[in-house]
Amino acid sequence: IKISEWGDVGEDTLELLTMGQSTLLPVNFLAKGVIKSKSVGKVEIKVSGNRYNVGTGFLCKVKDINDLFFITNYHVINHKDDISRTRIIFDYELDIYGNTIQSKSFEIDVNGPWYCSEIREFDTTVFKLKDEDNQLESYGYIELNEVTILKNDFVNIIQHPGGELKQISLYHNIVTNTTDRVVQYLTDTLKGSSGSPVFNSDWQVIALHHSGGGIKEGEPDLPFGIKSRNEGIYINRIIE
């Protein structure tokens, strides 16, 4: 349409919301996200030679439990035989000038706790990292609390897609379906994003990202023009 054909600006057209609900956020949303991102790390498991399986995970604490854990997907790592070949890498990202930050790697504590829930259940593995010099303290942690998430809420995912430098997905971030077990959303991910924290607009973790795909039996239709959705395990189930 040509600009000359636009209608006159009036009280009802001067400013408006383009969606059914506001997507406006306070600017401190960005600063809070950077703080949360410090706790997110890349999972790297050496397969052979220079071949690696990759994923994402994050440091966390659960209310009333003082222990510091690292959480990722069961399908990322699920066997203690993989511990010696695995490292968790923090600060694998760019600074504000586009330069790579010096990263730091940690090993899994083979003598620590090892909690697993299989893929068809909650697709979760939880363990501790070796930290003899208390270096993990600088990466903080994300506290896990029970939350409520609804269809059409917005979510954001901090991740290492494809094992690449840390990234955040903010676009197409609408929740399309929820059940007692999973949360489904349009937010972009790639292989390697498995185990990423899925946040709401208050930077609370609402799910542990674990898969993507089309419509499964019993699920609602996708929005027009959308071919697939992504999915995370509802954090309330993991906390329980």
Protein backbone atom coordinates (compact mmCIF):
# COMPACT_ATOMS: atom_id res chain seq x y z
CA ILE A 1 0.00 0.00 0.00
CA LYS A 2 1.24 3.49 -0.79
CA ILE A 3 1.75 5.90 2.07
CA SER A 4 -0.51 8.39 0.30
CA GLU A 5 -3.39 5.90 0.69
CA TRP A 6 -3.07 5.58 4.46
CA GLY A 7 -6.03 6.84 6.44
CA ASP A 8 -5.87 9.85 8.73
CA VAL A 9 -4.28 9.41 12.14
CA GLY A 10 -6.92 9.54 14.85
CA GLU A 11 -7.37 8.82 18.54
CA ASP A 12 -8.18 5.16 17.76
CA THR A 13 -5.20 4.58 15.41
CA LEU A 14 -2.40 6.61 16.93
CA GLU A 15 -1.11 3.81 19.20
CA LEU A 16 -2.25 0.21 19.51
CA LEU A 17 -1.22 -3.30 20.50
CA THR A 18 -0.53 -5.53 17.50
CA MET A 19 -1.42 -8.71 19.41
CA GLY A 20 -4.14 -9.64 21.84
CA GLN A 21 -1.81 -8.99 24.77
CA SER A 22 1.06 -6.60 25.33
CA THR A 23 4.60 -7.73 24.49
CA LEU A 24 6.11 -4.64 26.12
CA LEU A 25 8.67 -5.30 28.85
CA PRO A 26 10.70 -3.09 31.21
CA VAL A 27 14.24 -2.56 29.95
CA ASN A 28 15.68 -4.33 33.00
CA PHE A 29 14.32 -7.53 31.44
CA LEU A 30 17.54 -7.63 29.41
CA ALA A 31 19.84 -7.16 32.40
CA LYS A 32 18.02 -9.87 34.37
CA GLY A 33 18.39 -12.24 31.42
CA VAL A 34 22.15 -11.70 31.29
CA ILE A 35 22.41 -12.64 34.98
CA LYS A 36 20.39 -15.83 34.43
CA SER A 37 22.51 -16.72 31.40
CA LYS A 38 25.66 -17.03 33.53
CA SER A 39 24.35 -20.29 34.98
CA VAL A 40 23.76 -21.89 31.57
CA GLY A 41 26.51 -24.14 30.25
CA LYS A 42 27.34 -26.31 27.27
CA VAL A 43 27.43 -30.08 27.76
CA GLU A 44 30.12 -31.75 25.66
CA ILE A 45 30.61 -35.53 25.57
CA LYS A 46 33.58 -36.88 23.62
CA VAL A 47 32.54 -39.76 21.36
CA SER A 48 35.79 -40.48 19.50
CA GLY A 49 38.62 -38.47 17.95
CA ASN A 50 37.23 -34.99 17.40
CA ARG A 51 33.58 -36.08 17.51
CA TYR A 52 31.35 -34.85 20.32
CA ASN A 53 27.74 -35.10 21.40
CA VAL A 54 26.51 -31.77 22.69
CA GLY A 55 23.70 -30.38 24.77
CA THR A 56 22.84 -27.59 27.19
CA GLY A 57 22.15 -27.47 30.91
CA PHE A 58 22.23 -25.10 33.86
CA LEU A 59 23.19 -24.73 37.51
CA CYS A 60 20.21 -24.80 39.81
CA LYS A 61 18.95 -25.10 43.34
CA VAL A 62 15.57 -26.32 44.54
CA LYS A 63 13.76 -24.52 47.33
CA ASP A 64 14.64 -25.87 50.81
CA ILE A 65 17.59 -27.88 49.39
CA ASN A 66 20.95 -26.11 49.69
CA ASP A 67 22.88 -28.34 47.27
CA LEU A 68 24.01 -26.90 43.93
CA PHE A 69 23.06 -29.15 41.01
CA PHE A 70 23.53 -29.15 37.24
CA ILE A 71 20.51 -30.27 35.23
CA THR A 72 20.16 -31.41 31.61
CA ASN A 73 18.22 -34.00 29.61
CA TYR A 74 18.40 -37.74 30.14
CA HIS A 75 18.85 -38.17 26.40
CA VAL A 76 21.92 -35.89 26.58
CA ILE A 77 23.67 -37.93 29.28
CA ASN A 78 22.23 -40.88 31.17
CA HIS A 79 25.01 -43.34 31.95
CA LYS A 80 27.79 -43.04 34.51
CA ASP A 81 30.21 -44.53 31.97
CA ASP A 82 29.96 -41.18 30.11
CA ILE A 83 31.07 -39.09 33.10
CA SER A 84 34.80 -39.33 32.38
CA ARG A 85 34.24 -38.19 28.78
CA THR A 86 32.01 -35.24 29.68
CA ARG A 87 32.77 -31.64 30.46
CA ILE A 88 30.47 -28.73 31.28
CA ILE A 89 31.61 -25.45 29.74
CA PHE A 90 30.57 -22.01 31.05
CA ASP A 91 31.12 -18.59 29.45
CA TYR A 92 31.20 -20.11 25.96
CA GLU A 93 29.84 -16.90 24.44
CA LEU A 94 30.62 -13.47 22.99
CA ASP A 95 31.14 -10.23 24.90
CA ILE A 96 29.46 -6.95 23.94
CA TYR A 97 32.23 -6.26 21.43
CA GLY A 98 31.77 -9.57 19.61
CA ASN A 99 34.89 -11.18 21.06
CA THR A 100 34.86 -14.65 22.58
CA ILE A 101 35.02 -14.78 26.37
CA GLN A 102 37.51 -17.11 28.06
CA SER A 103 35.47 -20.18 28.92
CA LYS A 104 35.87 -22.51 31.90
CA SER A 105 35.29 -26.28 31.94
CA PHE A 106 34.16 -28.46 34.84
CA GLU A 107 33.95 -32.20 35.31
CA ILE A 108 31.04 -34.14 36.77
CA ASP A 109 31.51 -35.27 40.37
CA VAL A 110 31.58 -39.06 39.95
CA ASN A 111 31.06 -39.51 43.69
CA GLY A 112 28.14 -37.10 43.87
CA PRO A 113 24.40 -37.69 43.42
CA TRP A 114 23.11 -39.00 40.10
CA TYR A 115 19.38 -38.59 39.50
CA CYS A 116 17.82 -39.80 36.24
CA SER A 117 14.32 -39.83 34.76
CA GLU A 118 13.94 -41.57 31.40
CA ILE A 119 12.80 -39.88 28.20
CA ARG A 120 9.20 -41.06 28.35
CA GLU A 121 8.93 -39.83 31.93
CA PHE A 122 10.66 -36.47 32.54
CA ASP A 123 13.81 -36.79 30.36
CA THR A 124 16.02 -35.37 33.11
CA THR A 125 19.47 -36.02 34.55
CA VAL A 126 20.72 -34.14 37.63
CA PHE A 127 24.24 -34.25 39.10
CA LYS A 128 26.93 -32.16 40.79
CA LEU A 129 30.12 -30.70 39.33
CA LYS A 130 33.63 -30.98 40.78
CA ASP A 131 34.53 -27.58 42.22
CA GLU A 132 37.47 -27.86 44.59
CA ASP A 133 38.38 -24.16 44.25
CA ASN A 134 34.81 -22.79 44.57
CA GLN A 135 34.92 -21.36 41.05
CA LEU A 136 31.30 -22.26 40.33
CA GLU A 137 30.22 -19.48 42.69
CA SER A 138 30.87 -16.87 39.98
CA TYR A 139 28.24 -18.49 37.73
CA GLY A 140 25.44 -18.30 40.28
CA TYR A 141 22.43 -20.56 39.95
CA ILE A 142 18.79 -20.54 38.92
CA GLU A 143 16.33 -21.31 41.69
CA LEU A 144 13.61 -23.73 40.66
CA ASN A 145 10.13 -23.03 42.01
CA GLU A 146 6.72 -24.29 41.02
CA VAL A 147 5.09 -21.98 38.46
CA THR A 148 1.92 -21.69 36.43
CA ILE A 149 2.15 -21.48 32.64
CA LEU A 150 -0.76 -20.98 30.27
CA LYS A 151 -1.40 -21.12 26.55
CA ASN A 152 -0.40 -17.84 24.81
CA ASP A 153 2.13 -16.97 27.52
CA PHE A 154 5.59 -15.95 26.28
CA VAL A 155 8.79 -17.95 26.84
CA ASN A 156 12.49 -17.41 26.17
CA ILE A 157 15.25 -20.02 25.92
CA ILE A 158 18.96 -19.56 26.68
CA GLN A 159 20.83 -22.32 24.86
CA HIS A 160 23.86 -23.66 22.99
CA PRO A 161 22.18 -24.64 19.69
CA GLY A 162 24.28 -27.09 17.71
CA GLY A 163 26.97 -26.80 20.40
CA GLU A 164 27.61 -23.23 19.25
CA LEU A 165 28.25 -20.14 21.35
CA LYS A 166 25.52 -19.31 23.86
CA GLN A 167 22.41 -17.79 22.27
CA ILE A 168 18.93 -16.69 23.30
CA SER A 169 15.69 -17.27 21.45
CA LEU A 170 13.16 -14.46 21.82
CA TYR A 171 11.13 -14.58 18.61
CA HIS A 172 7.93 -16.61 17.99
CA ASN A 173 8.01 -17.31 21.71
CA ILE A 174 4.34 -18.14 22.29
CA VAL A 175 3.15 -21.14 24.31
CA THR A 176 0.78 -23.16 22.10
CA ASN A 177 -0.19 -26.01 24.42
CA THR A 178 0.30 -27.22 27.98
CA THR A 179 -0.39 -30.47 29.81
CA ASP A 180 0.41 -31.74 33.28
CA ARG A 181 3.73 -33.04 31.88
CA VAL A 182 4.87 -30.78 29.03
CA VAL A 183 4.86 -27.20 27.75
CA GLN A 184 4.89 -26.60 23.98
CA TYR A 185 6.00 -23.39 22.29
CA LEU A 186 7.09 -21.88 18.98
CA THR A 187 10.50 -20.68 20.25
CA ASP A 188 13.40 -21.71 17.98
CA THR A 189 15.92 -24.38 19.03
CA LEU A 190 18.40 -26.73 17.34
CA LYS A 191 20.05 -30.03 18.17
CA GLY A 192 22.30 -29.17 21.10
CA SER A 193 19.61 -27.04 22.74
CA SER A 194 18.38 -30.06 24.71
CA GLY A 195 18.52 -29.37 28.43
CA SER A 196 18.09 -25.60 28.10
CA PRO A 197 16.07 -23.62 30.64
CA VAL A 198 12.77 -22.28 29.29
CA PHE A 199 11.90 -19.00 31.02
CA ASN A 200 8.75 -16.95 31.34
CA SER A 201 8.79 -13.14 31.12
CA ASP A 202 9.75 -12.91 34.81
CA TRP A 203 12.82 -15.11 34.15
CA GLN A 204 11.38 -18.01 36.11
CA VAL A 205 12.16 -21.46 34.68
CA ILE A 206 8.91 -23.03 33.51
CA ALA A 207 10.30 -26.04 31.61
CA LEU A 208 13.38 -28.06 30.69
CA HIS A 209 13.58 -28.04 26.89
CA HIS A 210 13.86 -31.54 25.43
CA SER A 211 12.39 -31.98 21.95
CA GLY A 212 10.64 -30.59 18.91
CA GLY A 213 8.39 -31.82 16.13
CA GLY A 214 4.96 -31.71 14.56
CA ILE A 215 1.56 -32.40 16.03
CA LYS A 216 1.08 -35.53 18.12
CA GLU A 217 -2.23 -37.27 18.58
CA GLY A 218 -4.54 -35.33 20.88
CA GLU A 219 -2.66 -32.02 20.57
CA PRO A 220 -4.30 -28.81 19.27
CA ASP A 221 -3.59 -27.56 15.77
CA LEU A 222 -0.63 -25.30 15.16
CA PRO A 223 -1.14 -21.64 14.13
CA PHE A 224 -1.52 -21.03 10.39
CA GLY A 225 1.80 -21.26 8.54
CA ILE A 226 3.63 -22.95 11.44
CA LYS A 227 4.90 -26.48 10.67
CA SER A 228 6.24 -27.59 14.04
CA ARG A 229 6.55 -26.71 17.70
CA ASN A 230 9.12 -27.29 20.42
CA GLU A 231 8.54 -28.90 23.79
CA GLY A 232 9.89 -28.90 27.33
CA ILE A 233 9.15 -30.87 30.48
CA TYR A 234 7.05 -28.84 32.91
CA ILE A 235 9.41 -27.80 35.72
CA ASN A 236 6.84 -28.58 38.42
CA ARG A 237 7.04 -32.27 37.57
CA ILE A 238 10.84 -32.20 37.79
CA ILE A 239 10.78 -30.43 41.16
CA GLU A 240 8.39 -33.03 42.51
